[in-house]
Amino acid sequence: MNRSLARAVTAGAALALVPLGAGAAAAQDAPVPLGGGSGIVVDNTAQCTVTTIGYDAAGSLVGLTAGHCGDAGATVVAERDHDLGVVGRFVHSDPDLDYAVIQFDPAKVMPVNRVGNATITGIGAPAQFPAVVCKKGRTSGETCGVAWGDVLNTAQETWTQLCVLEGDSGAPVMVGSTLVGMVNAYLAVGCLGPEVGTTMAAIVHDLNARGSVGAGFHPL
């Protein structure tokens, strides 16, 4: 789809610039649980949502979120534990597919596959009409709606009738416990929708083609 249109009403960093103090790192603190649906603060400025977390082929602890949340090198702080300090950094941010790869510090992050009532057990094909999809965002929580499919035949996006708000960018979009996409933008004010997101199939293909951090990614 036309990304400039989507970003005019983006669901994340561009419209959710909320200054928040990262806090001092506390090495004595226990690792913070993070997974798909967890809130993060990027570069001490933008609030976004983790799509999923797991390991790549090299064994690195990595996660995904929306690309417009930050550029490569951006710092990541767990929203639920600012005092732990920086727990990861963006190592890649793709402006075309609008996804980013975060490399997490395994000493500070405890990866989980369940956040709230949202559980991720695997990655699947893009959702098609009339499947019902659900998402878990750090702002609007857990919401569900019908999938409209790849409306503009981009081979990389799915439109859904999900309620998403600022800060939900990167939120996992699931069919049951299968991760099929992420939240990237919404085309109306509030929860009127529709939401537009990149499919996991397109992201995984790009990750593997790059052959860098994140290649061979698999969720917990």
N, C-alpha and C. Protein backbone atom coordinates (compact mmCIF):
# COMPACT_ATOMS: atom_id res chain seq x y z
N MET A 1 0.84 -1.18 0.00
CA MET A 1 0.00 0.00 0.00
C MET A 1 0.87 1.22 0.00
N ASN A 2 0.29 2.39 -0.13
CA ASN A 2 1.01 3.65 -0.06
C ASN A 2 1.42 3.91 1.38
N ARG A 3 2.72 3.75 1.70
CA ARG A 3 3.18 3.88 3.08
C ARG A 3 3.03 5.30 3.59
N SER A 4 3.14 6.29 2.68
CA SER A 4 2.99 7.67 3.15
C SER A 4 1.59 7.90 3.68
N LEU A 5 0.58 7.27 3.08
CA LEU A 5 -0.79 7.38 3.57
C LEU A 5 -0.92 6.73 4.93
N ALA A 6 -0.33 5.54 5.06
CA ALA A 6 -0.43 4.84 6.34
C ALA A 6 0.23 5.63 7.45
N ARG A 7 1.39 6.22 7.18
CA ARG A 7 2.11 6.90 8.24
C ARG A 7 1.50 8.24 8.59
N ALA A 8 0.57 8.73 7.75
CA ALA A 8 -0.13 9.95 8.13
C ALA A 8 -0.98 9.72 9.37
N VAL A 9 -1.33 8.47 9.60
CA VAL A 9 -2.12 8.11 10.78
C VAL A 9 -1.51 6.89 11.44
N THR A 10 -0.18 6.86 11.53
CA THR A 10 0.53 5.70 12.06
C THR A 10 0.16 5.41 13.50
N ALA A 11 0.26 4.13 13.87
CA ALA A 11 -0.17 3.71 15.19
C ALA A 11 0.93 3.77 16.22
N GLY A 12 2.09 4.28 15.87
CA GLY A 12 3.19 4.21 16.82
C GLY A 12 3.99 5.47 16.98
N ALA A 13 5.30 5.36 16.75
CA ALA A 13 6.23 6.37 17.20
C ALA A 13 5.95 7.75 16.64
N ALA A 14 5.56 7.85 15.37
CA ALA A 14 5.41 9.17 14.78
C ALA A 14 4.34 9.99 15.47
N LEU A 15 3.34 9.34 16.06
CA LEU A 15 2.28 10.07 16.74
C LEU A 15 2.28 9.83 18.24
N ALA A 16 3.30 9.12 18.71
CA ALA A 16 3.29 8.77 20.13
C ALA A 16 4.60 9.15 20.79
N LEU A 17 5.07 10.39 20.53
CA LEU A 17 6.32 10.83 21.09
C LEU A 17 6.09 11.32 22.51
N VAL A 18 6.26 10.41 23.44
CA VAL A 18 5.99 10.72 24.85
C VAL A 18 7.29 10.61 25.62
N PRO A 19 7.89 11.75 26.06
CA PRO A 19 9.16 11.68 26.78
C PRO A 19 9.00 10.89 28.07
N LEU A 20 9.89 9.93 28.27
CA LEU A 20 9.89 9.13 29.48
C LEU A 20 11.32 8.88 29.90
N GLY A 21 11.61 9.01 31.17
CA GLY A 21 12.96 8.76 31.65
C GLY A 21 13.26 7.28 31.67
N ALA A 22 14.43 6.92 31.16
CA ALA A 22 14.80 5.51 31.09
C ALA A 22 15.19 4.98 32.46
N GLY A 23 15.69 5.85 33.33
CA GLY A 23 16.10 5.39 34.66
C GLY A 23 17.49 4.80 34.63
N ALA A 24 18.10 4.67 35.76
CA ALA A 24 19.45 4.12 35.85
C ALA A 24 19.40 2.61 35.81
N ALA A 25 20.41 2.04 35.17
CA ALA A 25 20.49 0.58 35.10
C ALA A 25 20.72 0.02 36.50
N ALA A 26 20.06 -1.09 36.77
CA ALA A 26 20.22 -1.73 38.06
C ALA A 26 20.56 -3.19 37.84
N ALA A 27 21.87 -3.48 37.88
CA ALA A 27 22.34 -4.82 37.54
C ALA A 27 21.80 -5.86 38.50
N GLN A 28 21.43 -5.43 39.73
CA GLN A 28 20.96 -6.40 40.70
C GLN A 28 19.54 -6.85 40.43
N ASP A 29 18.78 -6.10 39.61
CA ASP A 29 17.39 -6.44 39.35
C ASP A 29 17.27 -7.73 38.56
N ALA A 30 16.18 -8.43 38.78
CA ALA A 30 15.91 -9.65 38.03
C ALA A 30 15.57 -9.29 36.59
N PRO A 31 15.83 -10.17 35.65
CA PRO A 31 15.47 -9.92 34.24
C PRO A 31 13.98 -9.61 34.12
N VAL A 32 13.64 -8.70 33.21
CA VAL A 32 12.24 -8.32 33.02
C VAL A 32 11.59 -9.24 32.00
N PRO A 33 10.39 -9.77 32.26
CA PRO A 33 9.71 -10.60 31.26
C PRO A 33 9.26 -9.75 30.07
N LEU A 34 9.60 -10.18 28.86
CA LEU A 34 9.18 -9.48 27.64
C LEU A 34 8.72 -10.51 26.62
N GLY A 35 7.66 -10.16 25.90
CA GLY A 35 7.16 -11.02 24.84
C GLY A 35 6.24 -10.24 23.92
N GLY A 36 5.60 -10.93 23.01
CA GLY A 36 4.68 -10.27 22.09
C GLY A 36 3.53 -9.60 22.82
N GLY A 37 3.45 -8.28 22.72
CA GLY A 37 2.43 -7.51 23.43
C GLY A 37 2.99 -6.65 24.54
N SER A 38 4.29 -6.82 24.86
CA SER A 38 4.91 -6.01 25.91
C SER A 38 5.19 -4.60 25.40
N GLY A 39 5.08 -3.61 26.29
CA GLY A 39 5.39 -2.24 25.94
C GLY A 39 6.87 -1.95 26.07
N ILE A 40 7.40 -1.16 25.15
CA ILE A 40 8.79 -0.74 25.19
C ILE A 40 8.87 0.76 24.92
N VAL A 41 9.97 1.37 25.40
CA VAL A 41 10.25 2.78 25.13
C VAL A 41 11.52 2.82 24.30
N VAL A 42 11.43 3.45 23.13
CA VAL A 42 12.54 3.47 22.17
C VAL A 42 13.22 4.83 22.19
N ASP A 43 14.53 4.83 22.39
CA ASP A 43 15.32 6.07 22.44
C ASP A 43 14.76 7.07 23.44
N ASN A 44 14.18 6.57 24.53
CA ASN A 44 13.66 7.42 25.60
C ASN A 44 12.58 8.37 25.10
N THR A 45 11.92 8.01 24.00
CA THR A 45 10.97 8.92 23.37
C THR A 45 9.69 8.23 22.94
N ALA A 46 9.79 7.20 22.10
CA ALA A 46 8.62 6.59 21.47
C ALA A 46 8.18 5.34 22.21
N GLN A 47 6.88 5.24 22.45
CA GLN A 47 6.30 4.03 23.04
C GLN A 47 5.77 3.13 21.94
N CYS A 48 6.19 1.87 21.96
CA CYS A 48 5.75 0.90 20.96
C CYS A 48 5.54 -0.44 21.64
N THR A 49 5.22 -1.46 20.84
CA THR A 49 4.89 -2.78 21.35
C THR A 49 5.76 -3.83 20.69
N VAL A 50 6.25 -4.79 21.48
CA VAL A 50 7.01 -5.91 20.93
C VAL A 50 6.06 -6.83 20.17
N THR A 51 6.48 -7.25 18.97
CA THR A 51 5.68 -8.19 18.18
C THR A 51 5.84 -9.61 18.69
N THR A 52 7.08 -10.00 18.87
CA THR A 52 7.40 -11.34 19.34
C THR A 52 8.85 -11.36 19.78
N ILE A 53 9.24 -12.39 20.50
CA ILE A 53 10.62 -12.53 20.95
C ILE A 53 11.01 -13.99 20.83
N GLY A 54 12.29 -14.21 20.55
CA GLY A 54 12.77 -15.58 20.39
C GLY A 54 14.24 -15.58 20.06
N TYR A 55 14.67 -16.54 19.29
CA TYR A 55 16.09 -16.69 18.98
C TYR A 55 16.28 -16.81 17.47
N ASP A 56 17.42 -16.29 16.99
CA ASP A 56 17.73 -16.46 15.57
C ASP A 56 18.64 -17.68 15.41
N ALA A 57 19.09 -17.91 14.19
CA ALA A 57 19.88 -19.12 13.91
C ALA A 57 21.21 -19.12 14.64
N ALA A 58 21.70 -17.93 15.00
CA ALA A 58 22.98 -17.83 15.71
C ALA A 58 22.81 -17.94 17.22
N GLY A 59 21.57 -18.04 17.68
CA GLY A 59 21.31 -18.16 19.11
C GLY A 59 21.16 -16.85 19.83
N SER A 60 21.11 -15.75 19.09
CA SER A 60 20.92 -14.43 19.71
C SER A 60 19.48 -14.25 20.14
N LEU A 61 19.28 -13.58 21.27
CA LEU A 61 17.93 -13.27 21.75
C LEU A 61 17.46 -12.02 21.02
N VAL A 62 16.45 -12.16 20.17
CA VAL A 62 15.99 -11.05 19.35
C VAL A 62 14.47 -10.92 19.42
N GLY A 63 14.01 -9.73 19.10
CA GLY A 63 12.58 -9.46 19.03
C GLY A 63 12.29 -8.58 17.84
N LEU A 64 11.01 -8.39 17.56
CA LEU A 64 10.58 -7.57 16.44
C LEU A 64 9.62 -6.49 16.93
N THR A 65 9.59 -5.39 16.21
CA THR A 65 8.59 -4.35 16.41
C THR A 65 8.45 -3.57 15.11
N ALA A 66 7.66 -2.51 15.09
CA ALA A 66 7.47 -1.73 13.87
C ALA A 66 8.72 -0.91 13.56
N GLY A 67 9.05 -0.79 12.28
CA GLY A 67 10.26 -0.07 11.87
C GLY A 67 10.22 1.41 12.17
N HIS A 68 9.02 2.02 12.09
CA HIS A 68 8.97 3.46 12.32
C HIS A 68 9.14 3.84 13.78
N CYS A 69 9.27 2.84 14.66
CA CYS A 69 9.50 3.13 16.07
C CYS A 69 10.91 3.62 16.33
N GLY A 70 11.85 3.33 15.44
CA GLY A 70 13.22 3.78 15.64
C GLY A 70 14.15 3.31 14.55
N ASP A 71 15.35 3.88 14.55
CA ASP A 71 16.38 3.53 13.58
C ASP A 71 17.38 2.56 14.20
N ALA A 72 18.23 2.00 13.36
CA ALA A 72 19.28 1.11 13.86
C ALA A 72 20.13 1.86 14.89
N GLY A 73 20.40 1.19 16.01
CA GLY A 73 21.15 1.81 17.09
C GLY A 73 20.28 2.36 18.20
N ALA A 74 18.98 2.47 17.97
CA ALA A 74 18.07 3.01 18.99
C ALA A 74 18.05 2.12 20.23
N THR A 75 17.97 2.74 21.39
CA THR A 75 17.94 1.99 22.64
C THR A 75 16.51 1.56 22.97
N VAL A 76 16.42 0.46 23.71
CA VAL A 76 15.12 -0.09 24.11
C VAL A 76 15.10 -0.27 25.62
N VAL A 77 14.06 0.29 26.26
CA VAL A 77 13.83 0.15 27.68
C VAL A 77 12.48 -0.54 27.88
N ALA A 78 12.40 -1.47 28.81
CA ALA A 78 11.13 -2.13 29.11
C ALA A 78 10.21 -1.16 29.83
N GLU A 79 9.01 -0.99 29.31
CA GLU A 79 8.07 -0.04 29.90
C GLU A 79 7.74 -0.39 31.35
N ARG A 80 7.70 -1.66 31.67
CA ARG A 80 7.30 -2.08 33.01
C ARG A 80 8.45 -2.00 34.02
N ASP A 81 9.69 -1.73 33.55
CA ASP A 81 10.82 -1.67 34.47
C ASP A 81 11.86 -0.69 33.93
N HIS A 82 11.58 0.60 34.07
CA HIS A 82 12.50 1.63 33.57
C HIS A 82 13.84 1.57 34.31
N ASP A 83 13.80 1.20 35.58
CA ASP A 83 15.02 1.23 36.38
C ASP A 83 16.06 0.22 35.93
N LEU A 84 15.65 -0.75 35.14
CA LEU A 84 16.60 -1.74 34.64
C LEU A 84 17.49 -1.16 33.55
N GLY A 85 17.10 0.00 33.02
CA GLY A 85 17.89 0.66 31.99
C GLY A 85 17.71 0.02 30.63
N VAL A 86 18.70 0.21 29.77
CA VAL A 86 18.63 -0.30 28.39
C VAL A 86 18.71 -1.82 28.39
N VAL A 87 17.71 -2.46 27.79
CA VAL A 87 17.66 -3.93 27.74
C VAL A 87 17.92 -4.47 26.33
N GLY A 88 18.01 -3.58 25.35
CA GLY A 88 18.26 -4.00 23.98
C GLY A 88 18.46 -2.82 23.07
N ARG A 89 18.83 -3.11 21.82
CA ARG A 89 19.03 -2.06 20.82
C ARG A 89 18.50 -2.53 19.46
N PHE A 90 18.02 -1.57 18.66
CA PHE A 90 17.64 -1.86 17.29
C PHE A 90 18.92 -2.16 16.51
N VAL A 91 18.94 -3.29 15.81
CA VAL A 91 20.08 -3.62 14.97
C VAL A 91 19.73 -3.49 13.49
N HIS A 92 18.45 -3.38 13.20
CA HIS A 92 18.01 -3.20 11.81
C HIS A 92 16.63 -2.59 11.82
N SER A 93 16.38 -1.62 10.94
CA SER A 93 15.05 -1.02 10.80
C SER A 93 14.76 -0.87 9.32
N ASP A 94 13.72 -1.52 8.86
CA ASP A 94 13.40 -1.57 7.44
C ASP A 94 12.26 -0.60 7.12
N PRO A 95 12.53 0.45 6.33
CA PRO A 95 11.49 1.44 6.04
C PRO A 95 10.44 0.96 5.05
N ASP A 96 10.75 -0.06 4.27
CA ASP A 96 9.80 -0.54 3.26
C ASP A 96 8.77 -1.48 3.86
N LEU A 97 9.23 -2.49 4.58
CA LEU A 97 8.31 -3.40 5.24
C LEU A 97 7.89 -2.89 6.61
N ASP A 98 8.53 -1.84 7.09
CA ASP A 98 8.21 -1.20 8.36
C ASP A 98 8.30 -2.18 9.53
N TYR A 99 9.42 -2.87 9.61
CA TYR A 99 9.68 -3.72 10.78
C TYR A 99 11.10 -3.45 11.26
N ALA A 100 11.34 -3.76 12.52
CA ALA A 100 12.67 -3.58 13.10
C ALA A 100 13.06 -4.82 13.90
N VAL A 101 14.36 -5.08 13.95
CA VAL A 101 14.91 -6.18 14.72
C VAL A 101 15.60 -5.61 15.96
N ILE A 102 15.25 -6.14 17.13
CA ILE A 102 15.87 -5.73 18.38
C ILE A 102 16.72 -6.88 18.90
N GLN A 103 17.97 -6.58 19.24
CA GLN A 103 18.80 -7.58 19.91
C GLN A 103 18.76 -7.28 21.40
N PHE A 104 18.28 -8.24 22.18
CA PHE A 104 18.11 -8.04 23.61
C PHE A 104 19.31 -8.57 24.40
N ASP A 105 19.48 -8.00 25.58
CA ASP A 105 20.50 -8.45 26.52
C ASP A 105 19.91 -9.60 27.33
N PRO A 106 20.41 -10.83 27.14
CA PRO A 106 19.81 -11.97 27.86
C PRO A 106 19.99 -11.90 29.37
N ALA A 107 20.89 -11.04 29.85
CA ALA A 107 21.05 -10.88 31.29
C ALA A 107 19.96 -10.01 31.89
N LYS A 108 19.28 -9.25 31.02
CA LYS A 108 18.26 -8.33 31.50
C LYS A 108 16.84 -8.69 31.06
N VAL A 109 16.71 -9.62 30.13
CA VAL A 109 15.40 -9.95 29.57
C VAL A 109 15.10 -11.44 29.75
N MET A 110 13.92 -11.71 30.28
CA MET A 110 13.42 -13.08 30.35
C MET A 110 12.35 -13.23 29.27
N PRO A 111 12.65 -13.91 28.16
CA PRO A 111 11.67 -14.02 27.07
C PRO A 111 10.49 -14.89 27.47
N VAL A 112 9.29 -14.45 27.09
CA VAL A 112 8.07 -15.21 27.39
C VAL A 112 7.22 -15.27 26.12
N ASN A 113 6.41 -16.31 26.01
CA ASN A 113 5.53 -16.42 24.84
C ASN A 113 4.09 -16.05 25.17
N ARG A 114 3.86 -15.59 26.42
CA ARG A 114 2.51 -15.20 26.82
C ARG A 114 2.56 -13.87 27.57
N VAL A 115 1.78 -12.91 27.08
CA VAL A 115 1.63 -11.61 27.74
C VAL A 115 0.13 -11.36 27.88
N GLY A 116 -0.34 -11.26 29.11
CA GLY A 116 -1.78 -11.17 29.32
C GLY A 116 -2.43 -12.46 28.85
N ASN A 117 -3.45 -12.34 28.00
CA ASN A 117 -4.12 -13.52 27.46
C ASN A 117 -3.62 -13.88 26.07
N ALA A 118 -2.59 -13.18 25.59
CA ALA A 118 -2.06 -13.43 24.25
C ALA A 118 -0.88 -14.38 24.32
N THR A 119 -1.00 -15.52 23.63
CA THR A 119 0.06 -16.53 23.60
C THR A 119 0.47 -16.76 22.16
N ILE A 120 1.78 -16.79 21.93
CA ILE A 120 2.31 -17.04 20.59
C ILE A 120 3.03 -18.38 20.60
N THR A 121 2.58 -19.30 19.76
CA THR A 121 3.19 -20.63 19.69
C THR A 121 3.89 -20.90 18.36
N GLY A 122 3.71 -20.00 17.39
CA GLY A 122 4.34 -20.22 16.10
C GLY A 122 4.00 -19.10 15.14
N ILE A 123 4.57 -19.18 13.94
CA ILE A 123 4.35 -18.19 12.88
C ILE A 123 3.60 -18.87 11.74
N GLY A 124 2.60 -18.14 11.20
CA GLY A 124 1.78 -18.72 10.14
C GLY A 124 1.59 -17.81 8.95
N ALA A 125 0.83 -18.28 7.98
CA ALA A 125 0.56 -17.55 6.74
C ALA A 125 -0.35 -16.36 7.00
N PRO A 126 -0.35 -15.36 6.11
CA PRO A 126 -1.19 -14.17 6.28
C PRO A 126 -2.66 -14.54 6.44
N ALA A 127 -3.35 -13.78 7.27
CA ALA A 127 -4.78 -14.01 7.50
C ALA A 127 -5.59 -13.55 6.30
N GLN A 128 -6.61 -14.32 5.95
CA GLN A 128 -7.49 -14.00 4.83
C GLN A 128 -8.92 -13.85 5.32
N PHE A 129 -9.70 -13.06 4.63
CA PHE A 129 -11.13 -12.91 4.93
C PHE A 129 -11.81 -14.28 4.82
N PRO A 130 -12.68 -14.65 5.76
CA PRO A 130 -13.21 -13.89 6.90
C PRO A 130 -12.62 -14.31 8.24
N ALA A 131 -11.33 -14.64 8.27
CA ALA A 131 -10.70 -15.06 9.53
C ALA A 131 -10.81 -13.94 10.57
N VAL A 132 -10.91 -14.34 11.83
CA VAL A 132 -10.89 -13.37 12.93
C VAL A 132 -9.49 -13.36 13.52
N VAL A 133 -8.92 -12.15 13.61
CA VAL A 133 -7.58 -11.99 14.16
C VAL A 133 -7.68 -11.19 15.46
N CYS A 134 -6.67 -11.37 16.32
CA CYS A 134 -6.61 -10.61 17.57
C CYS A 134 -5.22 -10.02 17.72
N LYS A 135 -5.12 -8.96 18.50
CA LYS A 135 -3.83 -8.35 18.74
C LYS A 135 -3.71 -7.98 20.21
N LYS A 136 -2.45 -7.80 20.67
CA LYS A 136 -2.18 -7.37 22.04
C LYS A 136 -1.26 -6.17 21.96
N GLY A 137 -1.80 -4.98 22.24
CA GLY A 137 -1.02 -3.75 22.18
C GLY A 137 -0.82 -3.14 23.54
N ARG A 138 0.27 -2.39 23.73
CA ARG A 138 0.56 -1.81 25.03
C ARG A 138 -0.41 -0.69 25.38
N THR A 139 -1.13 -0.14 24.39
CA THR A 139 -2.08 0.94 24.65
C THR A 139 -3.51 0.44 24.76
N SER A 140 -3.98 -0.24 23.74
CA SER A 140 -5.39 -0.63 23.68
C SER A 140 -5.64 -2.07 24.12
N GLY A 141 -4.59 -2.78 24.51
CA GLY A 141 -4.78 -4.12 25.04
C GLY A 141 -5.14 -5.15 23.99
N GLU A 142 -6.03 -6.05 24.37
CA GLU A 142 -6.40 -7.18 23.51
C GLU A 142 -7.72 -6.88 22.80
N THR A 143 -7.66 -6.87 21.47
CA THR A 143 -8.86 -6.63 20.67
C THR A 143 -8.86 -7.59 19.49
N CYS A 144 -10.05 -7.87 18.97
CA CYS A 144 -10.18 -8.80 17.85
C CYS A 144 -11.08 -8.19 16.76
N GLY A 145 -10.95 -8.70 15.54
CA GLY A 145 -11.78 -8.24 14.44
C GLY A 145 -11.54 -9.08 13.21
N VAL A 146 -12.32 -8.84 12.18
CA VAL A 146 -12.21 -9.63 10.95
C VAL A 146 -10.99 -9.17 10.15
N ALA A 147 -10.37 -10.11 9.44
CA ALA A 147 -9.27 -9.79 8.52
C ALA A 147 -9.85 -9.56 7.13
N TRP A 148 -9.45 -8.44 6.51
CA TRP A 148 -9.91 -8.15 5.15
C TRP A 148 -8.95 -8.73 4.11
N GLY A 149 -7.75 -9.09 4.52
CA GLY A 149 -6.77 -9.66 3.60
C GLY A 149 -5.88 -8.60 2.97
N ASP A 150 -5.22 -8.97 1.87
CA ASP A 150 -4.28 -8.08 1.19
C ASP A 150 -5.06 -7.22 0.19
N VAL A 151 -5.68 -6.18 0.70
CA VAL A 151 -6.63 -5.38 -0.08
C VAL A 151 -6.00 -4.79 -1.34
N LEU A 152 -4.76 -4.32 -1.24
CA LEU A 152 -4.11 -3.67 -2.38
C LEU A 152 -3.15 -4.58 -3.13
N ASN A 153 -3.21 -5.88 -2.85
CA ASN A 153 -2.38 -6.87 -3.55
C ASN A 153 -0.89 -6.53 -3.49
N THR A 154 -0.42 -6.19 -2.30
CA THR A 154 0.99 -5.84 -2.13
C THR A 154 1.87 -7.06 -1.89
N ALA A 155 1.27 -8.17 -1.54
CA ALA A 155 1.99 -9.41 -1.19
C ALA A 155 2.81 -9.26 0.09
N GLN A 156 2.47 -8.23 0.89
CA GLN A 156 3.20 -8.07 2.15
C GLN A 156 2.34 -7.47 3.26
N GLU A 157 1.10 -7.13 3.00
CA GLU A 157 0.26 -6.47 4.00
C GLU A 157 -1.08 -7.18 4.17
N THR A 158 -1.64 -7.00 5.37
CA THR A 158 -2.99 -7.45 5.65
C THR A 158 -3.76 -6.32 6.32
N TRP A 159 -4.97 -6.08 5.87
CA TRP A 159 -5.86 -5.09 6.49
C TRP A 159 -6.80 -5.84 7.44
N THR A 160 -7.02 -5.28 8.61
CA THR A 160 -7.90 -5.90 9.58
C THR A 160 -8.80 -4.86 10.23
N GLN A 161 -9.88 -5.32 10.83
CA GLN A 161 -10.79 -4.43 11.55
C GLN A 161 -10.46 -4.48 13.04
N LEU A 162 -9.21 -4.15 13.37
CA LEU A 162 -8.75 -4.17 14.75
C LEU A 162 -8.73 -2.76 15.33
N CYS A 163 -9.05 -2.65 16.61
CA CYS A 163 -8.89 -1.39 17.32
C CYS A 163 -7.42 -1.23 17.67
N VAL A 164 -6.78 -0.19 17.15
CA VAL A 164 -5.40 0.12 17.51
C VAL A 164 -5.28 1.61 17.78
N LEU A 165 -4.40 1.96 18.73
CA LEU A 165 -4.18 3.35 19.12
C LEU A 165 -2.68 3.63 19.15
N GLU A 166 -2.33 4.89 19.35
CA GLU A 166 -0.93 5.27 19.41
C GLU A 166 -0.21 4.44 20.47
N GLY A 167 0.95 3.92 20.11
CA GLY A 167 1.70 3.06 21.01
C GLY A 167 1.51 1.58 20.74
N ASP A 168 0.49 1.23 19.94
CA ASP A 168 0.25 -0.17 19.60
C ASP A 168 1.14 -0.65 18.45
N SER A 169 1.90 0.25 17.84
CA SER A 169 2.74 -0.15 16.71
C SER A 169 3.64 -1.31 17.09
N GLY A 170 3.69 -2.31 16.23
CA GLY A 170 4.47 -3.50 16.48
C GLY A 170 3.68 -4.61 17.14
N ALA A 171 2.48 -4.33 17.62
CA ALA A 171 1.69 -5.34 18.33
C ALA A 171 1.49 -6.58 17.47
N PRO A 172 1.56 -7.76 18.09
CA PRO A 172 1.35 -9.00 17.34
C PRO A 172 -0.10 -9.15 16.89
N VAL A 173 -0.28 -9.58 15.65
CA VAL A 173 -1.60 -9.90 15.11
C VAL A 173 -1.65 -11.42 14.95
N MET A 174 -2.64 -12.05 15.57
CA MET A 174 -2.65 -13.50 15.66
C MET A 174 -3.99 -14.10 15.23
N VAL A 175 -3.92 -15.31 14.73
CA VAL A 175 -5.08 -16.17 14.57
C VAL A 175 -4.91 -17.27 15.60
N GLY A 176 -5.70 -17.22 16.65
CA GLY A 176 -5.46 -18.12 17.78
C GLY A 176 -4.13 -17.78 18.43
N SER A 177 -3.23 -18.75 18.47
CA SER A 177 -1.90 -18.50 19.02
C SER A 177 -0.84 -18.43 17.93
N THR A 178 -1.28 -18.35 16.67
CA THR A 178 -0.35 -18.28 15.54
C THR A 178 -0.13 -16.84 15.13
N LEU A 179 1.11 -16.40 15.15
CA LEU A 179 1.46 -15.02 14.77
C LEU A 179 1.45 -14.89 13.26
N VAL A 180 0.62 -13.97 12.74
CA VAL A 180 0.51 -13.82 11.29
C VAL A 180 0.93 -12.44 10.80
N GLY A 181 1.10 -11.47 11.70
CA GLY A 181 1.48 -10.13 11.27
C GLY A 181 1.74 -9.23 12.45
N MET A 182 2.01 -7.95 12.14
CA MET A 182 2.20 -6.94 13.18
C MET A 182 1.36 -5.71 12.85
N VAL A 183 1.07 -4.92 13.86
CA VAL A 183 0.36 -3.66 13.68
C VAL A 183 1.34 -2.60 13.20
N ASN A 184 0.99 -1.89 12.12
CA ASN A 184 1.84 -0.82 11.61
C ASN A 184 1.14 0.53 11.52
N ALA A 185 -0.14 0.54 11.15
CA ALA A 185 -0.82 1.82 10.94
C ALA A 185 -2.32 1.63 11.01
N TYR A 186 -3.04 2.74 11.20
CA TYR A 186 -4.50 2.70 11.12
C TYR A 186 -4.96 3.86 10.25
N LEU A 187 -6.06 3.67 9.58
CA LEU A 187 -6.51 4.61 8.55
C LEU A 187 -7.72 5.42 8.98
N ALA A 188 -7.98 5.48 10.28
CA ALA A 188 -9.06 6.32 10.80
C ALA A 188 -8.74 6.65 12.24
N VAL A 189 -9.36 7.69 12.75
CA VAL A 189 -9.11 8.12 14.12
C VAL A 189 -9.69 7.12 15.11
N GLY A 190 -8.94 6.86 16.19
CA GLY A 190 -9.44 5.97 17.23
C GLY A 190 -9.54 4.54 16.76
N CYS A 191 -10.61 3.87 17.14
CA CYS A 191 -10.75 2.44 16.84
C CYS A 191 -11.71 2.18 15.68
N LEU A 192 -11.85 3.11 14.79
CA LEU A 192 -12.76 2.91 13.67
C LEU A 192 -12.12 2.03 12.59
N GLY A 193 -10.79 2.04 12.52
CA GLY A 193 -10.07 1.21 11.57
C GLY A 193 -10.24 1.67 10.13
N PRO A 194 -9.74 0.87 9.17
CA PRO A 194 -9.06 -0.41 9.42
C PRO A 194 -7.60 -0.23 9.82
N GLU A 195 -7.05 -1.31 10.36
CA GLU A 195 -5.62 -1.37 10.68
C GLU A 195 -4.89 -2.01 9.52
N VAL A 196 -3.67 -1.54 9.26
CA VAL A 196 -2.85 -2.10 8.19
C VAL A 196 -1.54 -2.60 8.79
N GLY A 197 -1.16 -3.83 8.49
CA GLY A 197 0.06 -4.37 9.06
C GLY A 197 0.83 -5.24 8.11
N THR A 198 2.13 -5.34 8.34
CA THR A 198 3.00 -6.20 7.55
C THR A 198 2.82 -7.66 7.98
N THR A 199 2.81 -8.56 7.03
CA THR A 199 2.64 -9.97 7.35
C THR A 199 3.96 -10.55 7.87
N MET A 200 3.85 -11.55 8.73
CA MET A 200 5.05 -12.22 9.22
C MET A 200 5.76 -12.97 8.10
N ALA A 201 5.00 -13.44 7.13
CA ALA A 201 5.62 -14.15 6.01
C ALA A 201 6.61 -13.25 5.28
N ALA A 202 6.22 -11.98 5.06
CA ALA A 202 7.12 -11.04 4.38
C ALA A 202 8.32 -10.70 5.24
N ILE A 203 8.09 -10.55 6.55
CA ILE A 203 9.19 -10.21 7.46
C ILE A 203 10.20 -11.35 7.56
N VAL A 204 9.72 -12.56 7.76
CA VAL A 204 10.61 -13.71 7.87
C VAL A 204 11.42 -13.90 6.59
N HIS A 205 10.77 -13.74 5.45
CA HIS A 205 11.48 -13.86 4.17
C HIS A 205 12.60 -12.84 4.07
N ASP A 206 12.32 -11.60 4.48
CA ASP A 206 13.33 -10.55 4.41
C ASP A 206 14.46 -10.81 5.40
N LEU A 207 14.12 -11.24 6.61
CA LEU A 207 15.13 -11.55 7.62
C LEU A 207 16.10 -12.61 7.09
N ASN A 208 15.57 -13.66 6.53
CA ASN A 208 16.41 -14.75 6.04
C ASN A 208 17.24 -14.33 4.83
N ALA A 209 16.66 -13.49 3.97
CA ALA A 209 17.39 -13.02 2.79
C ALA A 209 18.56 -12.12 3.18
N ARG A 210 18.41 -11.34 4.26
CA ARG A 210 19.48 -10.47 4.73
C ARG A 210 20.61 -11.28 5.33
N GLY A 211 20.30 -12.37 6.00
CA GLY A 211 21.33 -13.24 6.55
C GLY A 211 22.11 -12.64 7.70
N SER A 212 21.55 -11.65 8.38
CA SER A 212 22.23 -11.02 9.51
C SER A 212 21.49 -11.35 10.79
N VAL A 213 21.61 -10.49 11.81
CA VAL A 213 20.92 -10.73 13.08
C VAL A 213 19.42 -10.87 12.83
N GLY A 214 18.83 -11.93 13.32
CA GLY A 214 17.40 -12.21 13.10
C GLY A 214 17.15 -13.29 12.07
N ALA A 215 18.12 -13.58 11.23
CA ALA A 215 17.93 -14.65 10.23
C ALA A 215 17.71 -15.98 10.93
N GLY A 216 16.75 -16.75 10.44
CA GLY A 216 16.42 -18.01 11.07
C GLY A 216 15.63 -17.85 12.35
N PHE A 217 14.96 -16.68 12.49
CA PHE A 217 14.22 -16.39 13.73
C PHE A 217 13.12 -17.41 13.97
N HIS A 218 12.98 -17.78 15.25
CA HIS A 218 11.83 -18.59 15.65
C HIS A 218 11.39 -18.11 17.03
N PRO A 219 10.09 -17.91 17.22
CA PRO A 219 9.59 -17.48 18.53
C PRO A 219 9.73 -18.60 19.55
N LEU A 220 9.58 -18.25 20.82
CA LEU A 220 9.68 -19.26 21.87
C LEU A 220 8.67 -20.37 21.65
